[in-house]
Amino acid sequence: MSAVDAAATATPRPTATPRLLVVADAAIADVDELPPLVRSVIDGAGELYVVTPTLPGRLDWLASQTNPARHAADERLDRVLGQLRAIGAHADGQTGDEDILTAFADAVAEFRPDHILIALRSSAHRNWQERGLIARVRERFDHPLTAFSLDERGHVSAAPPAVPERDLATVPSEGLGRVAPATGTPGGLPLLALFLVATLLVVGGVALAGAIDSWWVLVSVVAADLILALGVTLSIYRLLRDG
């Protein structure tokens, strides 16, 4: 089995999928590069409905600056629909909500699919909402699911999408390592620990300086706290920016 085959995963897949929901977080560069498993799911569908989630970055989402992300999602939708129609598929679709699970829920409620196909961005450039997505989709929607990863150039990634360990038995194992789903916000616990340490240093330093009547202790502790606070702030900024 090639790396391309290993990049597509499915569990379980029925012999026919009359109504296929395609959630495209990324568009493939060339439709001929679709893994055989993914192509068979598409070819077996009678109706296809494509949703392209808006996927704003964390900072844009917090600032409600989602127009650029929505414009990109509109362009992605046109591209995916064009590719599917080029291979003879009868496809329609729309741009999805900026919250990816809401985009899923809206599409499932409207289209009532028999199967869900997800095109994820590879882990190297995955959006913050895509981390642990397969696990959350499996938990919330009781539908057969197929997923594959695309790199930043739209080529099929050799690395498989994150799959919950309980599903690994249904995935072709050749070239596939054990992958645990992402949970929570990366770096959340270390950032919290740094914040708590900084707070304790300030409180403890002020108390100690008052007890021994030393401005040098107070200045030293406050300086250390400012350095820690700056580090925490920069780390949070990078997490939000790169999300």
Protein backbone atom coordinates (compact mmCIF):
# COMPACT_ATOMS: atom_id res chain seq x y z
CA MET A 1 0.00 0.00 0.00
CA SER A 2 1.33 3.43 -0.90
CA ALA A 3 1.59 6.42 1.42
CA VAL A 4 -1.32 7.98 -0.46
CA ASP A 5 -3.54 4.99 0.33
CA ALA A 6 -2.49 5.15 3.97
CA ALA A 7 -3.46 8.79 4.14
CA ALA A 8 -7.15 7.96 3.62
CA THR A 9 -9.10 6.38 6.44
CA ALA A 10 -12.61 5.09 6.68
CA THR A 11 -14.79 3.39 9.29
CA PRO A 12 -17.09 1.75 8.45
CA ARG A 13 -17.88 2.25 4.73
CA PRO A 14 -21.08 0.85 3.26
CA THR A 15 -21.18 -0.58 -0.24
CA ALA A 16 -23.12 2.47 -1.47
CA THR A 17 -23.36 6.03 -0.27
CA PRO A 18 -26.33 7.67 -2.05
CA ARG A 19 -26.03 10.97 -0.14
CA LEU A 20 -22.47 12.12 0.53
CA LEU A 21 -21.60 15.17 2.62
CA VAL A 22 -18.17 16.55 1.69
CA VAL A 23 -16.65 18.88 4.29
CA ALA A 24 -13.67 20.53 2.60
CA ASP A 25 -11.26 22.32 4.91
CA ALA A 26 -8.82 22.22 1.99
CA ALA A 27 -9.05 21.70 -1.77
CA ILE A 28 -6.97 19.10 -3.57
CA ALA A 29 -4.56 20.42 -6.21
CA ASP A 30 -5.55 17.83 -8.82
CA VAL A 31 -8.66 15.68 -8.56
CA ASP A 32 -6.74 12.80 -10.15
CA GLU A 33 -4.62 12.65 -6.96
CA LEU A 34 -7.57 11.56 -4.83
CA PRO A 35 -6.76 8.34 -2.93
CA PRO A 36 -8.58 5.30 -4.39
CA LEU A 37 -10.67 4.89 -1.24
CA VAL A 38 -11.83 8.51 -1.38
CA ARG A 39 -12.53 8.32 -5.12
CA SER A 40 -14.63 5.19 -4.63
CA VAL A 41 -16.73 6.94 -1.98
CA ILE A 42 -17.33 9.89 -4.33
CA ASP A 43 -18.09 7.68 -7.33
CA GLY A 44 -20.58 5.65 -5.30
CA ALA A 45 -22.60 8.68 -4.22
CA GLY A 46 -25.85 9.60 -5.89
CA GLU A 47 -25.96 13.12 -4.41
CA LEU A 48 -23.08 15.21 -3.07
CA TYR A 49 -23.30 18.28 -0.86
CA VAL A 50 -20.14 20.27 -0.24
CA VAL A 51 -19.56 22.49 2.79
CA THR A 52 -16.46 24.65 3.19
CA PRO A 53 -16.18 25.88 6.81
CA THR A 54 -15.01 29.47 7.21
CA LEU A 55 -12.13 28.55 9.56
CA PRO A 56 -10.90 31.94 10.85
CA GLY A 57 -7.73 32.05 12.96
CA ARG A 58 -8.13 32.48 16.71
CA LEU A 59 -7.24 36.18 16.67
CA ASP A 60 -9.61 36.88 13.78
CA TRP A 61 -12.36 34.89 15.49
CA LEU A 62 -11.92 36.75 18.78
CA ALA A 63 -11.94 40.09 16.94
CA SER A 64 -14.91 39.04 14.73
CA GLN A 65 -12.73 39.71 11.67
CA THR A 66 -13.95 36.70 9.69
CA ASN A 67 -14.51 38.26 6.24
CA PRO A 68 -11.12 37.19 4.76
CA ALA A 69 -11.65 33.62 5.98
CA ARG A 70 -15.18 33.57 4.53
CA HIS A 71 -13.89 34.86 1.20
CA ALA A 72 -11.30 32.06 1.17
CA ALA A 73 -14.03 29.53 2.00
CA ASP A 74 -16.17 30.84 -0.89
CA GLU A 75 -13.26 30.38 -3.29
CA ARG A 76 -12.57 26.90 -1.90
CA LEU A 77 -16.23 25.95 -2.42
CA ASP A 78 -16.15 27.02 -6.08
CA ARG A 79 -12.95 25.08 -6.63
CA VAL A 80 -14.16 21.86 -4.99
CA LEU A 81 -17.53 21.97 -6.78
CA GLY A 82 -15.75 22.49 -10.08
CA GLN A 83 -13.45 19.52 -9.44
CA LEU A 84 -16.31 17.22 -8.47
CA ARG A 85 -18.41 18.20 -11.46
CA ALA A 86 -15.38 17.66 -13.71
CA ILE A 87 -15.37 13.97 -12.76
CA GLY A 88 -19.11 13.62 -13.35
CA ALA A 89 -20.42 14.09 -9.80
CA HIS A 90 -23.72 15.88 -9.21
CA ALA A 91 -22.66 18.28 -6.49
CA ASP A 92 -24.08 21.34 -4.79
CA GLY A 93 -23.01 23.14 -1.62
CA GLN A 94 -22.47 26.26 0.40
CA THR A 95 -19.95 28.04 2.61
CA GLY A 96 -20.26 26.90 6.21
CA ASP A 97 -20.32 28.58 9.59
CA GLU A 98 -17.16 29.98 11.19
CA ASP A 99 -17.58 27.37 13.94
CA ILE A 100 -16.67 24.09 12.31
CA LEU A 101 -18.99 21.85 14.35
CA THR A 102 -21.88 24.22 13.66
CA ALA A 103 -21.04 23.93 9.95
CA PHE A 104 -21.24 20.15 10.30
CA ALA A 105 -24.50 20.26 12.26
CA ASP A 106 -26.18 22.63 9.80
CA ALA A 107 -25.19 20.49 6.82
CA VAL A 108 -26.23 17.22 8.46
CA ALA A 109 -29.62 18.66 9.43
CA GLU A 110 -30.25 20.10 5.96
CA PHE A 111 -28.79 17.39 3.72
CA ARG A 112 -29.25 14.25 5.89
CA PRO A 113 -26.23 12.41 4.49
CA ASP A 114 -25.54 8.69 4.52
CA HIS A 115 -21.77 9.23 4.64
CA ILE A 116 -19.39 12.06 5.52
CA LEU A 117 -16.14 12.75 3.68
CA ILE A 118 -13.67 15.18 5.28
CA ALA A 119 -10.71 16.81 3.55
CA LEU A 120 -8.47 18.04 6.39
CA ARG A 121 -5.40 20.18 6.26
CA SER A 122 -2.31 18.25 7.35
CA SER A 123 -1.06 18.63 10.91
CA ALA A 124 1.71 21.02 9.82
CA HIS A 125 -0.78 23.76 8.88
CA ARG A 126 -3.99 22.63 10.59
CA ASN A 127 -6.42 25.26 11.87
CA TRP A 128 -7.08 25.35 15.63
CA GLN A 129 -10.63 24.10 15.06
CA GLU A 130 -9.37 21.05 13.14
CA ARG A 131 -7.39 19.64 16.05
CA GLY A 132 -9.18 16.54 17.33
CA LEU A 133 -11.94 17.14 14.78
CA ILE A 134 -12.44 13.54 13.70
CA ALA A 135 -12.95 12.40 17.28
CA ARG A 136 -15.51 15.18 17.88
CA VAL A 137 -17.36 14.43 14.65
CA ARG A 138 -17.55 10.72 15.47
CA GLU A 139 -18.84 11.50 18.93
CA ARG A 140 -21.53 13.92 17.76
CA PHE A 141 -22.71 12.46 14.45
CA ASP A 142 -23.59 8.81 13.98
CA HIS A 143 -22.53 8.53 10.34
CA PRO A 144 -19.95 6.47 8.44
CA LEU A 145 -16.88 8.65 8.01
CA THR A 146 -13.96 8.88 5.59
CA ALA A 147 -11.13 11.38 6.06
CA PHE A 148 -7.89 12.29 4.33
CA SER A 149 -5.23 14.99 4.72
CA LEU A 150 -3.91 17.58 2.29
CA ASP A 151 -0.70 19.56 2.64
CA GLU A 152 -0.37 23.31 2.09
CA ARG A 153 -0.04 22.82 -1.70
CA GLY A 154 -3.18 20.69 -1.92
CA HIS A 155 -1.37 17.37 -2.37
CA VAL A 156 -2.39 14.29 -0.40
CA SER A 157 -0.33 14.15 2.77
CA ALA A 158 1.56 10.97 3.61
CA ALA A 159 0.72 11.56 7.27
CA PRO A 160 -2.71 10.19 8.25
CA PRO A 161 -5.30 12.44 9.86
CA ALA A 162 -5.64 12.17 13.64
CA VAL A 163 -7.72 9.07 14.35
CA PRO A 164 -8.94 7.97 17.80
CA GLU A 165 -7.07 4.86 18.92
CA ARG A 166 -10.30 2.89 19.23
CA ASP A 167 -10.74 3.23 15.44
CA LEU A 168 -7.26 2.15 14.39
CA ALA A 169 -8.33 -1.46 13.92
CA THR A 170 -10.52 -0.40 10.99
CA VAL A 171 -7.77 1.59 9.27
CA PRO A 172 -5.22 0.01 6.89
CA SER A 173 -2.18 -0.38 9.11
CA GLU A 174 0.67 -0.33 6.58
CA GLY A 175 2.66 2.87 7.04
CA LEU A 176 0.28 4.11 9.73
CA GLY A 177 1.57 4.88 13.22
CA ARG A 178 -0.50 5.12 16.37
CA VAL A 179 -2.04 8.58 16.50
CA ALA A 180 -3.93 9.95 19.47
CA PRO A 181 -6.53 12.68 18.99
CA ALA A 182 -5.57 16.20 19.96
CA THR A 183 -7.39 17.48 23.02
CA GLY A 184 -7.61 20.88 24.59
CA THR A 185 -5.46 23.89 23.85
CA PRO A 186 -1.80 23.06 23.19
CA GLY A 187 0.40 24.47 25.88
CA GLY A 188 -2.53 25.31 28.16
CA LEU A 189 -1.18 23.66 31.30
CA PRO A 190 2.39 25.06 31.02
CA LEU A 191 0.99 28.56 30.49
CA LEU A 192 -1.26 28.20 33.53
CA ALA A 193 1.68 26.96 35.60
CA LEU A 194 3.80 29.92 34.55
CA PHE A 195 1.01 32.32 35.42
CA LEU A 196 0.58 30.77 38.87
CA VAL A 197 4.33 30.89 39.51
CA ALA A 198 4.43 34.56 38.48
CA THR A 199 1.52 35.37 40.79
CA LEU A 200 3.10 33.53 43.72
CA LEU A 201 6.40 35.33 43.15
CA VAL A 202 4.72 38.73 43.32
CA VAL A 203 2.69 37.93 46.44
CA GLY A 204 5.54 36.14 48.16
CA GLY A 205 8.10 38.76 47.15
CA VAL A 206 6.03 41.65 48.45
CA ALA A 207 5.45 39.83 51.74
CA LEU A 208 9.14 38.95 52.05
CA ALA A 209 10.26 42.47 51.21
CA GLY A 210 7.91 43.88 53.83
CA ALA A 211 9.15 41.40 56.42
CA ILE A 212 12.84 42.19 55.92
CA ASP A 213 12.33 45.82 54.82
CA SER A 214 14.36 45.34 51.64
CA TRP A 215 13.59 47.17 48.43
CA TRP A 216 16.15 45.03 46.61
CA VAL A 217 14.09 41.89 47.24
CA LEU A 218 10.93 43.60 46.02
CA VAL A 219 12.60 44.96 42.88
CA SER A 220 14.16 41.58 42.08
CA VAL A 221 10.87 39.73 42.48
CA VAL A 222 8.89 42.25 40.44
CA ALA A 223 11.51 42.13 37.67
CA ALA A 224 11.34 38.32 37.59
CA ASP A 225 7.57 38.47 37.50
CA LEU A 226 7.59 40.91 34.58
CA ILE A 227 9.85 38.56 32.62
CA LEU A 228 7.54 35.61 33.31
CA ALA A 229 4.45 37.66 32.46
CA LEU A 230 6.05 38.75 29.19
CA GLY A 231 6.87 35.13 28.33
CA VAL A 232 3.30 34.01 29.08
CA THR A 233 1.88 36.87 27.00
CA LEU A 234 4.10 36.09 24.01
CA SER A 235 3.24 32.38 24.25
CA ILE A 236 -0.49 33.10 24.31
CA TYR A 237 -0.10 35.48 21.37
CA ARG A 238 1.74 32.83 19.32
CA LEU A 239 -0.95 30.24 20.12
CA LEU A 240 -3.69 32.60 19.01
CA ARG A 241 -1.79 33.80 15.93
CA ASP A 242 -0.84 30.31 14.75
CA GLY A 243 -4.24 28.79 15.54
